[in-house]
Amino acid sequence: MKRTGLTVALLFVLSCIGPAAAGDGTVRNCTWCHGTSAQGYMVAPRLAGQRPAYLENQIRSFRDHSRDNPFSKQYMWGAVAALDPESVHDLAVYFASIPGKPANDGNPSLIAVGKTIYMDGIPEANIASCYACHGPNAEGTREIPRLGGLAYFYLKARLEQWGQGYHSGAGTPMPIVARALGPNEIEALASYLSFVR
C-alpha cells in the first residue's frame, strides 16, 4: 500500500507541475475529472470503490481504443497513454480502496421501476436481469463494474451510448443489451442505481 500511495502522490505532483505530452494526448491527473475523493461528477464516473480488475481492464480499453465513446476519445485515450502496467495496477488498487458514496441524483419516483428491471430484467423483451452479472447490490465482480451509486447522468449517457453502438471494451455484451432498452427503462435504471449504496 505504501508503494501505491507513493505512485498516486507522484502522479499528483507531476500533474501540478504541468501536463506532460504523451503521444497525441496529455497525461492528466485523475482528480481533475474524477474529483479529489474519486467520487466522480456527472460525466466522469466514480472511481472510488470500483473493482480493481475492472479499472485495469478499462484503462487497457482506453489504450487500445476499444472503448470508443466521445469522452473516451477526447480525454481518456491521451490521459492513459503514458501509464505503464505497474502504475495502472497501483492506481486501480488505490481507487478500489476508497469507499464509494452513492450519487443520489436520479429521480426517486423511478426507484421501484428501476429496481424491478435491475433484479428481474424485462422478460417480454428478452432482456436478462442486470443482477445476473452485476450482483444483487450492483457491486460488480472482477472485471464486471460496480454500478451502485454511480451518477444518474453518467449511467444514462453510457446506456444511451451503448445503444448507439459505442463500446466499453472488446467482447462486452452491453451494446446488445442497451439496444433493447427504451428511454423509459434507461431513465428508471439510471435513477435506481444512483441511489444504491
Protein backbone atom coordinates (compact mmCIF):
# COMPACT_ATOMS: atom_id res chain seq x y z
CA MET A 1 0.00 0.00 0.00
CA LYS A 2 2.99 2.32 0.66
CA ARG A 3 4.09 1.95 -2.96
CA THR A 4 0.54 2.63 -4.21
CA GLY A 5 0.30 5.82 -2.13
CA LEU A 6 3.70 6.89 -3.44
CA THR A 7 2.68 6.30 -7.05
CA VAL A 8 -0.53 8.30 -6.63
CA ALA A 9 1.34 11.11 -4.87
CA LEU A 10 3.92 11.19 -7.67
CA LEU A 11 1.21 11.36 -10.33
CA PHE A 12 -0.43 14.21 -8.43
CA VAL A 13 2.85 16.16 -8.14
CA LEU A 14 3.60 15.67 -11.83
CA SER A 15 0.18 16.94 -12.78
CA CYS A 16 0.63 20.04 -10.65
CA ILE A 17 3.91 20.86 -12.39
CA GLY A 18 2.08 20.88 -15.70
CA PRO A 19 0.74 18.46 -18.27
CA ALA A 20 3.33 16.33 -19.97
CA ALA A 21 2.96 15.45 -23.60
CA ALA A 22 2.29 11.78 -24.21
CA GLY A 23 1.85 10.73 -27.79
CA ASP A 24 -1.14 12.57 -29.20
CA GLY A 25 -2.66 13.35 -25.77
CA THR A 26 -1.86 14.71 -22.37
CA VAL A 27 -1.23 12.98 -19.06
CA ARG A 28 -3.84 14.38 -16.74
CA ASN A 29 -4.31 13.99 -13.05
CA CYS A 30 -7.28 11.70 -12.36
CA THR A 31 -8.64 14.17 -9.82
CA TRP A 32 -9.20 16.86 -12.45
CA CYS A 33 -12.20 14.95 -13.77
CA HIS A 34 -12.99 12.32 -11.13
CA GLY A 35 -12.64 14.58 -8.07
CA THR A 36 -10.20 14.67 -5.18
CA SER A 37 -12.12 11.91 -3.38
CA ALA A 38 -12.64 9.94 -6.64
CA GLN A 39 -16.43 10.19 -6.28
CA GLY A 40 -16.78 11.45 -9.85
CA TYR A 41 -19.04 14.04 -11.41
CA MET A 42 -21.93 13.93 -13.85
CA VAL A 43 -19.83 12.94 -16.88
CA ALA A 44 -16.81 11.39 -15.15
CA PRO A 45 -17.64 8.22 -13.20
CA ARG A 46 -16.89 7.46 -9.60
CA LEU A 47 -13.63 5.50 -9.32
CA ALA A 48 -13.86 5.11 -5.54
CA GLY A 49 -14.91 1.59 -4.59
CA GLN A 50 -14.80 0.36 -8.18
CA ARG A 51 -13.46 -3.14 -8.89
CA PRO A 52 -9.65 -3.06 -9.46
CA ALA A 53 -9.76 -5.64 -12.29
CA TYR A 54 -12.47 -3.58 -14.00
CA LEU A 55 -10.42 -0.36 -13.71
CA GLU A 56 -7.33 -2.07 -15.13
CA ASN A 57 -9.38 -3.55 -17.96
CA GLN A 58 -10.91 -0.17 -18.82
CA ILE A 59 -7.52 1.53 -18.90
CA ARG A 60 -6.37 -1.17 -21.33
CA SER A 61 -9.52 -0.49 -23.38
CA PHE A 62 -8.67 3.23 -23.50
CA ARG A 63 -5.11 2.40 -24.56
CA ASP A 64 -6.14 0.04 -27.36
CA HIS A 65 -9.01 2.39 -28.32
CA SER A 66 -11.68 -0.30 -27.98
CA ARG A 67 -13.55 1.96 -25.54
CA ASP A 68 -14.62 4.38 -28.20
CA ASN A 69 -17.32 6.74 -26.94
CA PRO A 70 -16.69 10.50 -27.48
CA PHE A 71 -15.41 11.33 -23.96
CA SER A 72 -13.06 8.34 -24.06
CA LYS A 73 -11.56 9.55 -27.33
CA GLN A 74 -11.36 13.16 -26.20
CA TYR A 75 -9.96 12.65 -22.72
CA MET A 76 -9.04 9.13 -21.67
CA TRP A 77 -7.11 7.89 -24.70
CA GLY A 78 -4.47 10.56 -24.12
CA ALA A 79 -4.73 10.54 -20.32
CA VAL A 80 -3.61 6.91 -20.01
CA ALA A 81 -1.13 6.81 -22.89
CA ALA A 82 1.96 7.20 -20.67
CA LEU A 83 0.87 4.86 -17.84
CA ASP A 84 2.91 1.68 -17.53
CA PRO A 85 1.19 -1.54 -16.37
CA GLU A 86 2.53 -1.23 -12.83
CA SER A 87 1.13 2.29 -12.44
CA VAL A 88 -2.20 1.14 -13.87
CA HIS A 89 -2.36 -1.66 -11.29
CA ASP A 90 -1.37 0.67 -8.42
CA LEU A 91 -4.00 3.25 -9.38
CA ALA A 92 -6.69 0.58 -9.68
CA VAL A 93 -5.90 -0.82 -6.22
CA TYR A 94 -5.78 2.68 -4.74
CA PHE A 95 -9.16 3.77 -6.16
CA ALA A 96 -10.78 0.47 -5.13
CA SER A 97 -9.65 1.09 -1.53
CA ILE A 98 -11.56 4.40 -1.26
CA PRO A 99 -15.13 3.93 0.00
CA GLY A 100 -17.66 4.99 -2.62
CA LYS A 101 -20.67 7.18 -1.85
CA PRO A 102 -23.96 6.99 -3.77
CA ALA A 103 -24.65 9.93 -6.08
CA ASN A 104 -28.35 10.02 -5.07
CA ASP A 105 -29.12 12.18 -8.09
CA GLY A 106 -31.70 10.14 -10.00
CA ASN A 107 -35.46 10.53 -9.97
CA PRO A 108 -36.66 9.00 -6.65
CA SER A 109 -40.08 8.22 -8.12
CA LEU A 110 -38.43 5.75 -10.56
CA ILE A 111 -36.55 3.71 -7.95
CA ALA A 112 -39.13 0.91 -7.75
CA VAL A 113 -39.39 0.52 -11.54
CA GLY A 114 -35.60 0.65 -11.95
CA LYS A 115 -35.07 -1.92 -9.21
CA THR A 116 -37.57 -4.29 -10.87
CA ILE A 117 -35.74 -4.01 -14.20
CA TYR A 118 -32.38 -4.46 -12.46
CA MET A 119 -33.47 -7.53 -10.48
CA ASP A 120 -35.84 -9.23 -12.95
CA GLY A 121 -34.93 -7.88 -16.38
CA ILE A 122 -37.71 -7.43 -18.94
CA PRO A 123 -38.76 -10.97 -19.87
CA GLU A 124 -41.20 -9.91 -22.62
CA ALA A 125 -38.34 -8.06 -24.37
CA ASN A 126 -35.87 -10.92 -23.74
CA ILE A 127 -33.72 -8.67 -21.52
CA ALA A 128 -31.91 -10.53 -18.73
CA SER A 129 -31.61 -9.04 -15.27
CA CYS A 130 -28.65 -6.78 -14.53
CA TYR A 131 -28.36 -8.71 -11.25
CA ALA A 132 -27.10 -11.76 -13.17
CA CYS A 133 -23.75 -10.08 -13.94
CA HIS A 134 -23.50 -7.06 -11.63
CA GLY A 135 -24.72 -8.74 -8.42
CA PRO A 136 -27.68 -8.19 -6.09
CA ASN A 137 -26.37 -4.87 -4.78
CA ALA A 138 -24.88 -3.71 -8.09
CA GLU A 139 -21.45 -4.34 -6.56
CA GLY A 140 -19.89 -5.97 -9.61
CA THR A 141 -17.26 -8.67 -9.57
CA ARG A 142 -13.79 -8.99 -11.05
CA GLU A 143 -13.92 -7.24 -14.47
CA ILE A 144 -17.65 -6.51 -14.21
CA PRO A 145 -18.10 -2.99 -12.84
CA ARG A 146 -19.79 -1.77 -9.72
CA LEU A 147 -22.86 0.20 -10.82
CA GLY A 148 -24.30 1.03 -7.42
CA GLY A 149 -24.14 4.72 -6.62
CA LEU A 150 -22.79 5.94 -9.96
CA ALA A 151 -24.20 9.29 -11.10
CA TYR A 152 -27.55 9.20 -12.88
CA PHE A 153 -26.31 11.34 -15.78
CA TYR A 154 -23.25 9.12 -16.31
CA LEU A 155 -25.26 5.88 -16.23
CA LYS A 156 -27.92 7.26 -18.56
CA ALA A 157 -25.31 8.53 -21.02
CA ARG A 158 -23.44 5.20 -21.05
CA LEU A 159 -26.60 3.17 -21.66
CA GLU A 160 -27.57 5.54 -24.47
CA GLN A 161 -24.08 5.36 -26.00
CA TRP A 162 -24.08 1.56 -25.94
CA GLY A 163 -27.48 1.64 -27.62
CA GLN A 164 -25.90 3.80 -30.35
CA GLY A 165 -23.19 1.17 -30.88
CA TYR A 166 -20.27 2.54 -28.83
CA HIS A 167 -18.17 0.02 -26.89
CA SER A 168 -16.68 -0.19 -23.42
CA GLY A 169 -14.04 -2.72 -24.39
CA ALA A 170 -13.60 -5.80 -26.50
CA GLY A 171 -16.20 -8.51 -26.07
CA THR A 172 -18.63 -6.70 -23.77
CA PRO A 173 -22.33 -7.56 -24.22
CA MET A 174 -23.54 -4.11 -23.17
CA PRO A 175 -24.17 -2.64 -26.65
CA ILE A 176 -26.52 -5.56 -27.40
CA VAL A 177 -28.27 -5.27 -24.02
CA ALA A 178 -28.64 -1.48 -24.20
CA ARG A 179 -30.10 -1.53 -27.72
CA ALA A 180 -33.08 -3.43 -26.30
CA LEU A 181 -33.78 -0.77 -23.64
CA GLY A 182 -36.17 2.08 -24.32
CA PRO A 183 -35.73 5.61 -22.95
CA ASN A 184 -38.08 4.96 -20.01
CA GLU A 185 -36.19 1.82 -18.96
CA ILE A 186 -32.87 3.66 -19.20
CA GLU A 187 -34.24 6.52 -17.14
CA ALA A 188 -35.52 4.14 -14.46
CA LEU A 189 -32.33 2.04 -14.30
CA ALA A 190 -30.03 5.06 -14.10
CA SER A 191 -32.21 6.62 -11.40
CA TYR A 192 -32.39 3.46 -9.30
CA LEU A 193 -28.66 2.74 -9.50
CA SER A 194 -27.70 6.26 -8.44
CA PHE A 195 -29.28 5.56 -5.03
CA VAL A 196 -27.76 2.09 -4.44
CA ARG A 197 -25.18 2.04 -1.65
